[in-house]
């Protein structure tokens, strides 16, 4: 009986028990992405380099031709774009390609370690191609 208790206790407090099942996301994080139109189908964006101690790794996904912002599958049309850090803010520009109907940005602030902590995710508003 004591052995079962210790096995269950070990499993409960193991590293796997703290695994992340879903990223932390919501409107408060979506609001961190600021997008300004700078030309026809061309936009500038910025967001904080760090959120709650998690730092963006210098990549952003431009999801293309999606039904709505936030509905993105790994095999969906997308581009990986690289912002530059300027005084604690990540900044960059992108263009919605001619062959796509819309786009939105997906920004992640991943944990420093591969295990156990959830990333923070944010989605920009959906931008319709002109």
Protein backbone atom coordinates (compact mmCIF):
# COMPACT_ATOMS: atom_id res chain seq x y z
CA UNK A 1 0.00 0.00 0.00
CA UNK A 2 2.78 2.44 0.89
CA UNK A 3 4.55 1.60 -2.38
CA UNK A 4 1.42 2.50 -4.37
CA UNK A 5 1.14 5.78 -2.49
CA UNK A 6 4.75 6.71 -3.28
CA UNK A 7 4.37 5.73 -6.94
CA UNK A 8 1.24 7.89 -7.26
CA UNK A 9 2.95 10.73 -5.42
CA UNK A 10 5.96 10.49 -7.76
CA UNK A 11 3.74 10.50 -10.85
CA UNK A 12 1.75 13.46 -9.57
CA UNK A 13 4.86 15.55 -8.90
CA UNK A 14 6.79 14.44 -11.96
CA UNK A 15 7.82 16.96 -14.60
CA UNK A 16 5.22 15.58 -17.00
CA UNK A 17 2.44 16.54 -14.61
CA UNK A 18 3.27 20.18 -15.33
CA UNK A 19 3.23 19.83 -19.13
CA UNK A 20 1.45 22.50 -21.09
CA UNK A 21 -1.70 21.36 -22.84
CA UNK A 22 -2.69 24.70 -24.39
CA UNK A 23 -0.89 28.02 -24.83
CA UNK A 24 -1.94 31.05 -22.81
CA UNK A 25 -3.86 33.42 -25.07
CA UNK A 26 -6.69 35.91 -25.16
CA UNK A 27 -7.76 39.41 -26.05
CA UNK A 28 -5.27 41.00 -23.63
CA UNK A 29 -2.39 39.43 -25.59
CA UNK A 30 -4.01 40.08 -29.01
CA UNK A 31 -4.16 43.78 -28.09
CA UNK A 32 -0.34 43.84 -27.81
CA UNK A 33 0.00 43.55 -31.61
CA UNK A 34 -0.25 46.99 -33.23
CA UNK A 35 -0.65 47.06 -37.03
CA UNK A 36 -0.61 50.19 -39.21
CA UNK A 37 -1.34 50.31 -42.91
CA UNK A 38 1.58 51.83 -44.84
CA UNK A 39 0.50 51.09 -48.41
CA UNK A 40 -1.80 48.97 -50.52
CA UNK A 41 -1.78 45.54 -48.82
CA UNK A 42 1.41 46.59 -46.95
CA UNK A 43 1.53 46.89 -43.16
CA UNK A 44 3.93 47.76 -40.36
CA UNK A 45 3.59 45.95 -37.05
CA UNK A 46 5.02 46.04 -33.57
CA UNK A 47 4.61 44.19 -30.30
CA UNK A 48 6.54 43.90 -27.02
CA UNK A 49 9.65 41.72 -27.21
CA UNK A 50 8.82 40.29 -23.78
CA UNK A 51 5.57 39.27 -22.08
CA UNK A 52 5.47 38.05 -18.48
CA UNK A 53 9.19 37.23 -18.63
CA UNK A 54 8.90 35.27 -21.90
CA UNK A 55 10.79 36.67 -24.90
CA UNK A 56 9.79 36.42 -28.56
CA UNK A 57 12.37 34.38 -30.47
CA UNK A 58 12.47 36.75 -33.47
CA UNK A 59 9.87 35.02 -35.60
CA UNK A 60 6.27 35.81 -36.46
CA UNK A 61 3.87 33.81 -38.62
CA UNK A 62 1.82 35.59 -41.26
CA UNK A 63 -1.20 33.31 -41.68
CA UNK A 64 -2.71 33.69 -45.14
CA UNK A 65 -6.20 33.20 -46.59
CA UNK A 66 -7.82 32.07 -43.36
CA UNK A 67 -11.51 32.22 -42.50
CA UNK A 68 -10.90 34.16 -39.28
CA UNK A 69 -8.07 35.36 -37.08
CA UNK A 70 -6.90 32.68 -34.69
CA UNK A 71 -7.92 29.68 -36.80
CA UNK A 72 -4.55 28.52 -38.05
CA UNK A 73 -3.34 24.98 -38.84
CA UNK A 74 0.34 24.16 -39.31
CA UNK A 75 -0.22 23.09 -42.93
CA UNK A 76 -2.18 26.26 -43.81
CA UNK A 77 -0.74 28.87 -46.16
CA UNK A 78 1.69 31.05 -44.21
CA UNK A 79 4.99 32.91 -44.24
CA UNK A 80 7.54 33.15 -41.46
CA UNK A 81 8.70 36.73 -41.05
CA UNK A 82 11.47 38.12 -38.86
CA UNK A 83 10.95 41.29 -36.86
CA UNK A 84 13.81 43.37 -35.47
CA UNK A 85 14.07 44.33 -31.82
CA UNK A 86 14.19 48.08 -31.18
CA UNK A 87 14.29 49.20 -27.52
CA UNK A 88 12.26 46.25 -26.21
CA UNK A 89 9.78 46.31 -29.08
CA UNK A 90 9.72 43.92 -32.04
CA UNK A 91 9.04 45.76 -35.32
CA UNK A 92 8.65 44.76 -38.94
CA UNK A 93 6.66 45.03 -42.14
CA UNK A 94 4.78 42.60 -44.36
CA UNK A 95 2.72 42.51 -47.52
CA UNK A 96 -0.27 40.28 -48.17
CA UNK A 97 0.73 38.47 -51.41
CA UNK A 98 -1.30 38.92 -54.62
CA UNK A 99 -2.49 35.31 -54.62
CA UNK A 100 -3.91 35.45 -51.04
CA UNK A 101 -7.21 36.97 -49.90
CA UNK A 102 -6.30 38.02 -46.36
CA UNK A 103 -3.83 37.60 -43.53
CA UNK A 104 -3.20 37.96 -39.83
CA UNK A 105 -0.15 37.72 -37.58
CA UNK A 106 0.48 34.99 -35.05
CA UNK A 107 3.00 36.01 -32.39
CA UNK A 108 4.43 33.69 -29.74
CA UNK A 109 6.45 34.27 -26.64
CA UNK A 110 7.78 30.76 -25.88
CA UNK A 111 9.24 29.58 -22.58
CA UNK A 112 13.02 29.39 -22.23
CA UNK A 113 12.85 25.63 -21.75
CA UNK A 114 11.25 23.02 -24.00
CA UNK A 115 9.43 21.36 -21.14
CA UNK A 116 6.50 22.19 -19.06
CA UNK A 117 5.74 25.87 -19.42
CA UNK A 118 3.10 27.24 -21.76
CA UNK A 119 3.88 29.82 -24.42
CA UNK A 120 1.91 33.04 -24.68
CA UNK A 121 0.15 33.49 -28.05
CA UNK A 122 -1.43 36.50 -29.70
CA UNK A 123 -3.32 36.95 -32.97
CA UNK A 124 -3.70 40.22 -34.84
CA UNK A 125 -6.96 41.28 -36.41
CA UNK A 126 -7.79 39.81 -39.84
CA UNK A 127 -6.57 42.06 -42.67
CA UNK A 128 -8.50 41.76 -45.93
CA UNK A 129 -6.52 42.19 -49.16
CA UNK A 130 -7.62 45.10 -51.35
